[in-house]
Amino acid sequence: SRTGVNIAPQTVFELSKIPNIVAIKECNFSQV
């Protein structure tokens, strides 16, 4: 709602493989 861009779940999955990307503050409930 603020950025105009959504981080898709698949992208979160790919980023979660990086050791120090450990969490997400998620404002898009539909994809939790």
PDB file of all heavy atoms in Angstrom:
ATOM      1  N   SER A   1       0.820  -1.212   0.000  1.00  0.00           N
ATOM      2  CA  SER A   1       0.000   0.000   0.000  1.00  0.00           C
ATOM      3  C   SER A   1       0.851   1.257   0.000  1.00  0.00           C
ATOM      4  O   SER A   1       0.400   2.313  -0.453  1.00  0.00           O
ATOM      5  CB  SER A   1      -0.931   0.009   1.219  1.00  0.00           C
ATOM      6  OG  SER A   1      -0.192   0.076   2.431  1.00  0.00           O
ATOM      7  N   ARG A   2       2.078   1.168   0.494  1.00  0.00           N
ATOM      8  CA  ARG A   2       2.978   2.322   0.505  1.00  0.00           C
ATOM      9  C   ARG A   2       3.985   2.301  -0.647  1.00  0.00           C
ATOM     10  O   ARG A   2       4.375   3.343  -1.150  1.00  0.00           O
ATOM     11  CB  ARG A   2       3.744   2.397   1.832  1.00  0.00           C
ATOM     12  CG  ARG A   2       2.912   2.920   2.996  1.00  0.00           C
ATOM     13  CD  ARG A   2       3.772   3.095   4.231  1.00  0.00           C
ATOM     14  NE  ARG A   2       3.009   3.664   5.341  1.00  0.00           N
ATOM     15  CZ  ARG A   2       2.963   4.949   5.651  1.00  0.00           C
ATOM     16  NH1 ARG A   2       3.652   5.826   4.936  1.00  0.00           N
ATOM     17  NH2 ARG A   2       2.249   5.375   6.678  1.00  0.00           N
ATOM     18  N   THR A   3       4.434   1.112  -1.029  1.00  0.00           N
ATOM     19  CA  THR A   3       5.516   1.041  -2.007  1.00  0.00           C
ATOM     20  C   THR A   3       5.029   0.876  -3.441  1.00  0.00           C
ATOM     21  O   THR A   3       5.762   1.175  -4.376  1.00  0.00           O
ATOM     22  CB  THR A   3       6.451  -0.140  -1.687  1.00  0.00           C
ATOM     23  OG1 THR A   3       5.719  -1.364  -1.836  1.00  0.00           O
ATOM     24  CG2 THR A   3       7.001  -0.030  -0.274  1.00  0.00           C
ATOM     25  N   GLY A   4       3.813   0.354  -3.601  1.00  0.00           N
ATOM     26  CA  GLY A   4       3.317   0.083  -4.942  1.00  0.00           C
ATOM     27  C   GLY A   4       3.867  -1.198  -5.545  1.00  0.00           C
ATOM     28  O   GLY A   4       3.607  -1.504  -6.705  1.00  0.00           O
ATOM     29  N   VAL A   5       4.622  -1.970  -4.748  1.00  0.00           N
ATOM     30  CA  VAL A   5       5.229  -3.217  -5.220  1.00  0.00           C
ATOM     31  C   VAL A   5       5.039  -4.285  -4.149  1.00  0.00           C
ATOM     32  O   VAL A   5       5.172  -4.006  -2.958  1.00  0.00           O
ATOM     33  CB  VAL A   5       6.742  -3.030  -5.501  1.00  0.00           C
ATOM     34  CG1 VAL A   5       7.359  -4.332  -5.989  1.00  0.00           C
ATOM     35  CG2 VAL A   5       6.962  -1.929  -6.521  1.00  0.00           C
ATOM     36  N   ASN A   6       4.756  -5.504  -4.585  1.00  0.00           N
ATOM     37  CA  ASN A   6       4.571  -6.625  -3.672  1.00  0.00           C
ATOM     38  C   ASN A   6       5.701  -7.627  -3.826  1.00  0.00           C
ATOM     39  O   ASN A   6       6.078  -7.985  -4.941  1.00  0.00           O
ATOM     40  CB  ASN A   6       3.233  -7.321  -3.963  1.00  0.00           C
ATOM     41  CG  ASN A   6       2.995  -8.527  -3.077  1.00  0.00           C
ATOM     42  OD1 ASN A   6       2.928  -8.393  -1.863  1.00  0.00           O
ATOM     43  ND2 ASN A   6       2.887  -9.702  -3.688  1.00  0.00           N
ATOM     44  N   ILE A   7       6.255  -8.078  -2.690  1.00  0.00           N
ATOM     45  CA  ILE A   7       7.234  -9.168  -2.736  1.00  0.00           C
ATOM     46  C   ILE A   7       6.447 -10.476  -2.784  1.00  0.00           C
ATOM     47  O   ILE A   7       5.790 -10.844  -1.810  1.00  0.00           O
ATOM     48  CB  ILE A   7       8.161  -9.162  -1.508  1.00  0.00           C
ATOM     49  CG1 ILE A   7       8.769  -7.783  -1.272  1.00  0.00           C
ATOM     50  CG2 ILE A   7       9.277 -10.197  -1.695  1.00  0.00           C
ATOM     51  CD1 ILE A   7       9.596  -7.671   0.002  1.00  0.00           C
ATOM     52  N   ALA A   8       6.501 -11.171  -3.888  1.00  0.00           N
ATOM     53  CA  ALA A   8       5.719 -12.384  -4.080  1.00  0.00           C
ATOM     54  C   ALA A   8       6.230 -13.505  -3.176  1.00  0.00           C
ATOM     55  O   ALA A   8       7.423 -13.557  -2.840  1.00  0.00           O
ATOM     56  CB  ALA A   8       5.788 -12.832  -5.535  1.00  0.00           C
ATOM     57  N   PRO A   9       5.349 -14.420  -2.760  1.00  0.00           N
ATOM     58  CA  PRO A   9       5.780 -15.528  -1.898  1.00  0.00           C
ATOM     59  C   PRO A   9       6.959 -16.314  -2.459  1.00  0.00           C
ATOM     60  O   PRO A   9       7.854 -16.709  -1.704  1.00  0.00           O
ATOM     61  CB  PRO A   9       4.520 -16.394  -1.799  1.00  0.00           C
ATOM     62  CG  PRO A   9       3.397 -15.421  -1.939  1.00  0.00           C
ATOM     63  CD  PRO A   9       3.878 -14.418  -2.953  1.00  0.00           C
ATOM     64  N   GLN A  10       6.979 -16.555  -3.758  1.00  0.00           N
ATOM     65  CA  GLN A  10       8.094 -17.298  -4.341  1.00  0.00           C
ATOM     66  C   GLN A  10       9.404 -16.538  -4.184  1.00  0.00           C
ATOM     67  O   GLN A  10      10.459 -17.144  -3.952  1.00  0.00           O
ATOM     68  CB  GLN A  10       7.820 -17.599  -5.819  1.00  0.00           C
ATOM     69  CG  GLN A  10       8.866 -18.484  -6.486  1.00  0.00           C
ATOM     70  CD  GLN A  10       8.935 -19.887  -5.888  1.00  0.00           C
ATOM     71  OE1 GLN A  10       7.912 -20.462  -5.513  1.00  0.00           O
ATOM     72  NE2 GLN A  10      10.140 -20.428  -5.803  1.00  0.00           N
ATOM     73  N   THR A  11       9.338 -15.225  -4.282  1.00  0.00           N
ATOM     74  CA  THR A  11      10.537 -14.409  -4.083  1.00  0.00           C
ATOM     75  C   THR A  11      10.984 -14.459  -2.623  1.00  0.00           C
ATOM     76  O   THR A  11      12.186 -14.547  -2.335  1.00  0.00           O
ATOM     77  CB  THR A  11      10.265 -12.954  -4.513  1.00  0.00           C
ATOM     78  OG1 THR A  11       9.831 -12.948  -5.879  1.00  0.00           O
ATOM     79  CG2 THR A  11      11.515 -12.095  -4.384  1.00  0.00           C
ATOM     80  N   VAL A  12      10.028 -14.413  -1.701  1.00  0.00           N
ATOM     81  CA  VAL A  12      10.362 -14.559  -0.278  1.00  0.00           C
ATOM     82  C   VAL A  12      11.050 -15.901  -0.052  1.00  0.00           C
ATOM     83  O   VAL A  12      12.045 -15.998   0.681  1.00  0.00           O
ATOM     84  CB  VAL A  12       9.103 -14.434   0.606  1.00  0.00           C
ATOM     85  CG1 VAL A  12       9.460 -14.659   2.075  1.00  0.00           C
ATOM     86  CG2 VAL A  12       8.440 -13.086   0.418  1.00  0.00           C
ATOM     87  N   PHE A  13      10.523 -16.951  -0.679  1.00  0.00           N
ATOM     88  CA  PHE A  13      11.117 -18.288  -0.552  1.00  0.00           C
ATOM     89  C   PHE A  13      12.566 -18.294  -1.028  1.00  0.00           C
ATOM     90  O   PHE A  13      13.461 -18.825  -0.356  1.00  0.00           O
ATOM     91  CB  PHE A  13      10.288 -19.298  -1.333  1.00  0.00           C
ATOM     92  CG  PHE A  13      10.916 -20.653  -1.439  1.00  0.00           C
ATOM     93  CD1 PHE A  13      11.117 -21.432  -0.309  1.00  0.00           C
ATOM     94  CD2 PHE A  13      11.307 -21.158  -2.675  1.00  0.00           C
ATOM     95  CE1 PHE A  13      11.712 -22.688  -0.403  1.00  0.00           C
ATOM     96  CE2 PHE A  13      11.896 -22.412  -2.774  1.00  0.00           C
ATOM     97  CZ  PHE A  13      12.096 -23.179  -1.638  1.00  0.00           C
ATOM     98  N   GLU A  14      12.819 -17.693  -2.187  1.00  0.00           N
ATOM     99  CA  GLU A  14      14.192 -17.652  -2.703  1.00  0.00           C
ATOM    100  C   GLU A  14      15.103 -16.861  -1.769  1.00  0.00           C
ATOM    101  O   GLU A  14      16.243 -17.263  -1.505  1.00  0.00           O
ATOM    102  CB  GLU A  14      14.201 -17.036  -4.106  1.00  0.00           C
ATOM    103  CG  GLU A  14      13.489 -17.866  -5.161  1.00  0.00           C
ATOM    104  CD  GLU A  14      14.111 -19.248  -5.364  1.00  0.00           C
ATOM    105  OE1 GLU A  14      15.347 -19.361  -5.216  1.00  0.00           O
ATOM    106  OE2 GLU A  14      13.352 -20.185  -5.660  1.00  0.00           O
ATOM    107  N   LEU A  15      14.596 -15.754  -1.236  1.00  0.00           N
ATOM    108  CA  LEU A  15      15.407 -14.924  -0.339  1.00  0.00           C
ATOM    109  C   LEU A  15      15.635 -15.597   1.007  1.00  0.00           C
ATOM    110  O   LEU A  15      16.651 -15.360   1.663  1.00  0.00           O
ATOM    111  CB  LEU A  15      14.733 -13.566  -0.148  1.00  0.00           C
ATOM    112  CG  LEU A  15      14.736 -12.651  -1.373  1.00  0.00           C
ATOM    113  CD1 LEU A  15      13.834 -11.432  -1.138  1.00  0.00           C
ATOM    114  CD2 LEU A  15      16.164 -12.181  -1.701  1.00  0.00           C
ATOM    115  N   SER A  16      14.711 -16.460   1.420  1.00  0.00           N
ATOM    116  CA  SER A  16      14.854 -17.130   2.711  1.00  0.00           C
ATOM    117  C   SER A  16      16.022 -18.114   2.727  1.00  0.00           C
ATOM    118  O   SER A  16      16.427 -18.575   3.800  1.00  0.00           O
ATOM    119  CB  SER A  16      13.556 -17.866   3.072  1.00  0.00           C
ATOM    120  OG  SER A  16      13.373 -19.027   2.264  1.00  0.00           O
ATOM    121  N   LYS A  17      16.557 -18.426   1.564  1.00  0.00           N
ATOM    122  CA  LYS A  17      17.729 -19.310   1.485  1.00  0.00           C
ATOM    123  C   LYS A  17      19.005 -18.587   1.878  1.00  0.00           C
ATOM    124  O   LYS A  17      20.035 -19.235   2.121  1.00  0.00           O
ATOM    125  CB  LYS A  17      17.857 -19.866   0.064  1.00  0.00           C
ATOM    126  CG  LYS A  17      16.666 -20.704  -0.387  1.00  0.00           C
ATOM    127  CD  LYS A  17      16.799 -21.096  -1.854  1.00  0.00           C
ATOM    128  CE  LYS A  17      15.574 -21.844  -2.354  1.00  0.00           C
ATOM    129  NZ  LYS A  17      15.677 -22.186  -3.808  1.00  0.00           N
ATOM    130  N   ILE A  18      18.959 -17.253   1.927  1.00  0.00           N
ATOM    131  CA  ILE A  18      20.135 -16.458   2.313  1.00  0.00           C
ATOM    132  C   ILE A  18      20.199 -16.428   3.836  1.00  0.00           C
ATOM    133  O   ILE A  18      19.225 -16.056   4.496  1.00  0.00           O
ATOM    134  CB  ILE A  18      20.032 -15.043   1.727  1.00  0.00           C
ATOM    135  CG1 ILE A  18      19.956 -15.117   0.198  1.00  0.00           C
ATOM    136  CG2 ILE A  18      21.212 -14.188   2.173  1.00  0.00           C
ATOM    137  CD1 ILE A  18      19.652 -13.782  -0.474  1.00  0.00           C
ATOM    138  N   PRO A  19      21.317 -16.818   4.432  1.00  0.00           N
ATOM    139  CA  PRO A  19      21.355 -17.044   5.889  1.00  0.00           C
ATOM    140  C   PRO A  19      20.905 -15.876   6.754  1.00  0.00           C
ATOM    141  O   PRO A  19      20.251 -16.091   7.777  1.00  0.00           O
ATOM    142  CB  PRO A  19      22.838 -17.382   6.137  1.00  0.00           C
ATOM    143  CG  PRO A  19      23.304 -17.963   4.847  1.00  0.00           C
ATOM    144  CD  PRO A  19      22.579 -17.214   3.779  1.00  0.00           C
ATOM    145  N   ASN A  20      21.239 -14.643   6.369  1.00  0.00           N
ATOM    146  CA  ASN A  20      20.892 -13.527   7.259  1.00  0.00           C
ATOM    147  C   ASN A  20      19.589 -12.818   6.880  1.00  0.00           C
ATOM    148  O   ASN A  20      19.221 -11.834   7.512  1.00  0.00           O
ATOM    149  CB  ASN A  20      22.038 -12.517   7.366  1.00  0.00           C
ATOM    150  CG  ASN A  20      22.438 -11.899   6.042  1.00  0.00           C
ATOM    151  OD1 ASN A  20      22.330 -12.547   5.001  1.00  0.00           O
ATOM    152  ND2 ASN A  20      22.914 -10.667   6.080  1.00  0.00           N
ATOM    153  N   ILE A  21      18.857 -13.317   5.894  1.00  0.00           N
ATOM    154  CA  ILE A  21      17.482 -12.866   5.672  1.00  0.00           C
ATOM    155  C   ILE A  21      16.597 -13.820   6.463  1.00  0.00           C
ATOM    156  O   ILE A  21      16.314 -14.942   6.042  1.00  0.00           O
ATOM    157  CB  ILE A  21      17.111 -12.834   4.185  1.00  0.00           C
ATOM    158  CG1 ILE A  21      17.959 -11.778   3.462  1.00  0.00           C
ATOM    159  CG2 ILE A  21      15.623 -12.529   4.006  1.00  0.00           C
ATOM    160  CD1 ILE A  21      17.656 -11.619   1.980  1.00  0.00           C
ATOM    161  N   VAL A  22      16.195 -13.373   7.645  1.00  0.00           N
ATOM    162  CA  VAL A  22      15.623 -14.293   8.629  1.00  0.00           C
ATOM    163  C   VAL A  22      14.145 -14.063   8.899  1.00  0.00           C
ATOM    164  O   VAL A  22      13.511 -14.872   9.587  1.00  0.00           O
ATOM    165  CB  VAL A  22      16.400 -14.217   9.961  1.00  0.00           C
ATOM    166  CG1 VAL A  22      17.862 -14.595   9.746  1.00  0.00           C
ATOM    167  CG2 VAL A  22      16.297 -12.832  10.583  1.00  0.00           C
ATOM    168  N   ALA A  23      13.578 -12.949   8.409  1.00  0.00           N
ATOM    169  CA  ALA A  23      12.190 -12.638   8.768  1.00  0.00           C
ATOM    170  C   ALA A  23      11.580 -11.710   7.731  1.00  0.00           C
ATOM    171  O   ALA A  23      12.282 -11.120   6.900  1.00  0.00           O
ATOM    172  CB  ALA A  23      12.118 -11.997  10.155  1.00  0.00           C
ATOM    173  N   ILE A  24      10.257 -11.581   7.811  1.00  0.00           N
ATOM    174  CA  ILE A  24       9.538 -10.625   6.972  1.00  0.00           C
ATOM    175  C   ILE A  24       8.435  -9.976   7.787  1.00  0.00           C
ATOM    176  O   ILE A  24       7.718 -10.654   8.543  1.00  0.00           O
ATOM    177  CB  ILE A  24       8.962 -11.295   5.707  1.00  0.00           C
ATOM    178  CG1 ILE A  24       8.270 -10.263   4.797  1.00  0.00           C
ATOM    179  CG2 ILE A  24       8.017 -12.438   6.052  1.00  0.00           C
ATOM    180  CD1 ILE A  24       7.954 -10.790   3.401  1.00  0.00           C
ATOM    181  N   LYS A  25       8.334  -8.671   7.690  1.00  0.00           N
ATOM    182  CA  LYS A  25       7.165  -7.943   8.184  1.00  0.00           C
ATOM    183  C   LYS A  25       6.197  -7.889   7.014  1.00  0.00           C
ATOM    184  O   LYS A  25       6.434  -7.199   6.022  1.00  0.00           O
ATOM    185  CB  LYS A  25       7.540  -6.538   8.646  1.00  0.00           C
ATOM    186  CG  LYS A  25       6.343  -5.715   9.104  1.00  0.00           C
ATOM    187  CD  LYS A  25       6.732  -4.279   9.458  1.00  0.00           C
ATOM    188  CE  LYS A  25       5.497  -3.463   9.846  1.00  0.00           C
ATOM    189  NZ  LYS A  25       5.823  -2.047  10.132  1.00  0.00           N
ATOM    190  N   GLU A  26       5.107  -8.613   7.141  1.00  0.00           N
ATOM    191  CA  GLU A  26       4.188  -8.814   6.012  1.00  0.00           C
ATOM    192  C   GLU A  26       2.884  -8.052   6.245  1.00  0.00           C
ATOM    193  O   GLU A  26       2.204  -8.257   7.244  1.00  0.00           O
ATOM    194  CB  GLU A  26       3.901 -10.305   5.829  1.00  0.00           C
ATOM    195  CG  GLU A  26       2.990 -10.636   4.669  1.00  0.00           C
ATOM    196  CD  GLU A  26       3.539 -10.145   3.344  1.00  0.00           C
ATOM    197  OE1 GLU A  26       4.532 -10.718   2.852  1.00  0.00           O
ATOM    198  OE2 GLU A  26       2.947  -9.177   2.812  1.00  0.00           O
ATOM    199  N   CYS A  27       2.562  -7.181   5.292  1.00  0.00           N
ATOM    200  CA  CYS A  27       1.314  -6.418   5.349  1.00  0.00           C
ATOM    201  C   CYS A  27       0.282  -6.903   4.345  1.00  0.00           C
ATOM    202  O   CYS A  27      -0.800  -6.321   4.250  1.00  0.00           O
ATOM    203  CB  CYS A  27       1.597  -4.930   5.125  1.00  0.00           C
ATOM    204  SG  CYS A  27       2.666  -4.198   6.374  1.00  0.00           S
ATOM    205  N   ASN A  28       0.615  -7.926   3.591  1.00  0.00           N
ATOM    206  CA  ASN A  28      -0.303  -8.504   2.613  1.00  0.00           C
ATOM    207  C   ASN A  28      -0.784  -9.847   3.146  1.00  0.00           C
ATOM    208  O   ASN A  28      -0.199 -10.896   2.880  1.00  0.00           O
ATOM    209  CB  ASN A  28       0.398  -8.663   1.263  1.00  0.00           C
ATOM    210  CG  ASN A  28      -0.548  -9.117   0.169  1.00  0.00           C
ATOM    211  OD1 ASN A  28      -1.708  -9.434   0.416  1.00  0.00           O
ATOM    212  ND2 ASN A  28      -0.052  -9.155  -1.061  1.00  0.00           N
ATOM    213  N   PHE A  29      -1.859  -9.790   3.928  1.00  0.00           N
ATOM    214  CA  PHE A  29      -2.335 -10.996   4.626  1.00  0.00           C
ATOM    215  C   PHE A  29      -2.665 -12.129   3.669  1.00  0.00           C
ATOM    216  O   PHE A  29      -2.512 -13.304   4.004  1.00  0.00           O
ATOM    217  CB  PHE A  29      -3.563 -10.645   5.475  1.00  0.00           C
ATOM    218  CG  PHE A  29      -4.121 -11.809   6.239  1.00  0.00           C
ATOM    219  CD1 PHE A  29      -3.500 -12.252   7.392  1.00  0.00           C
ATOM    220  CD2 PHE A  29      -5.251 -12.475   5.793  1.00  0.00           C
ATOM    221  CE1 PHE A  29      -4.000 -13.346   8.093  1.00  0.00           C
ATOM    222  CE2 PHE A  29      -5.760 -13.562   6.492  1.00  0.00           C
ATOM    223  CZ  PHE A  29      -5.134 -14.001   7.643  1.00  0.00           C
ATOM    224  N   SER A  30      -3.107 -11.801   2.465  1.00  0.00           N
ATOM    225  CA  SER A  30      -3.573 -12.829   1.533  1.00  0.00           C
ATOM    226  C   SER A  30      -2.484 -13.818   1.144  1.00  0.00           C
ATOM    227  O   SER A  30      -2.789 -14.906   0.652  1.00  0.00           O
ATOM    228  CB  SER A  30      -4.137 -12.171   0.265  1.00  0.00           C
ATOM    229  OG  SER A  30      -3.119 -11.495  -0.454  1.00  0.00           O
ATOM    230  N   GLN A  31      -1.207 -13.454   1.376  1.00  0.00           N
ATOM    231  CA  GLN A  31      -0.148 -14.369   0.963  1.00  0.00           C
ATOM    232  C   GLN A  31       0.629 -14.969   2.134  1.00  0.00           C
ATOM    233  O   GLN A  31       1.623 -15.674   1.925  1.00  0.00           O
ATOM    234  CB  GLN A  31       0.808 -13.678  -0.006  1.00  0.00           C
ATOM    235  CG  GLN A  31       1.542 -12.473   0.517  1.00  0.00           C
ATOM    236  CD  GLN A  31       2.359 -11.796  -0.593  1.00  0.00           C
ATOM    237  OE1 GLN A  31       1.992 -11.819  -1.777  1.00  0.00           O
ATOM    238  NE2 GLN A  31       3.479 -11.220  -0.224  1.00  0.00           N
ATOM    239  N   VAL A  32       0.173 -14.719   3.355  1.00  0.00           N
ATOM    240  CA  VAL A  32       0.891 -15.229   4.521  1.00  0.00           C
ATOM    241  C   VAL A  32       0.928 -16.758   4.534  1.00  0.00           C
ATOM    242  O   VAL A  32       1.970 -17.372   4.780  1.00  0.00           O
ATOM    243  CB  VAL A  32       0.268 -14.699   5.828  1.00  0.00           C
ATOM    244  CG1 VAL A  32       0.868 -15.388   7.051  1.00  0.00           C
ATOM    245  CG2 VAL A  32       0.478 -13.196   5.934  1.00  0.00           C
TER     246      VAL A  32
END
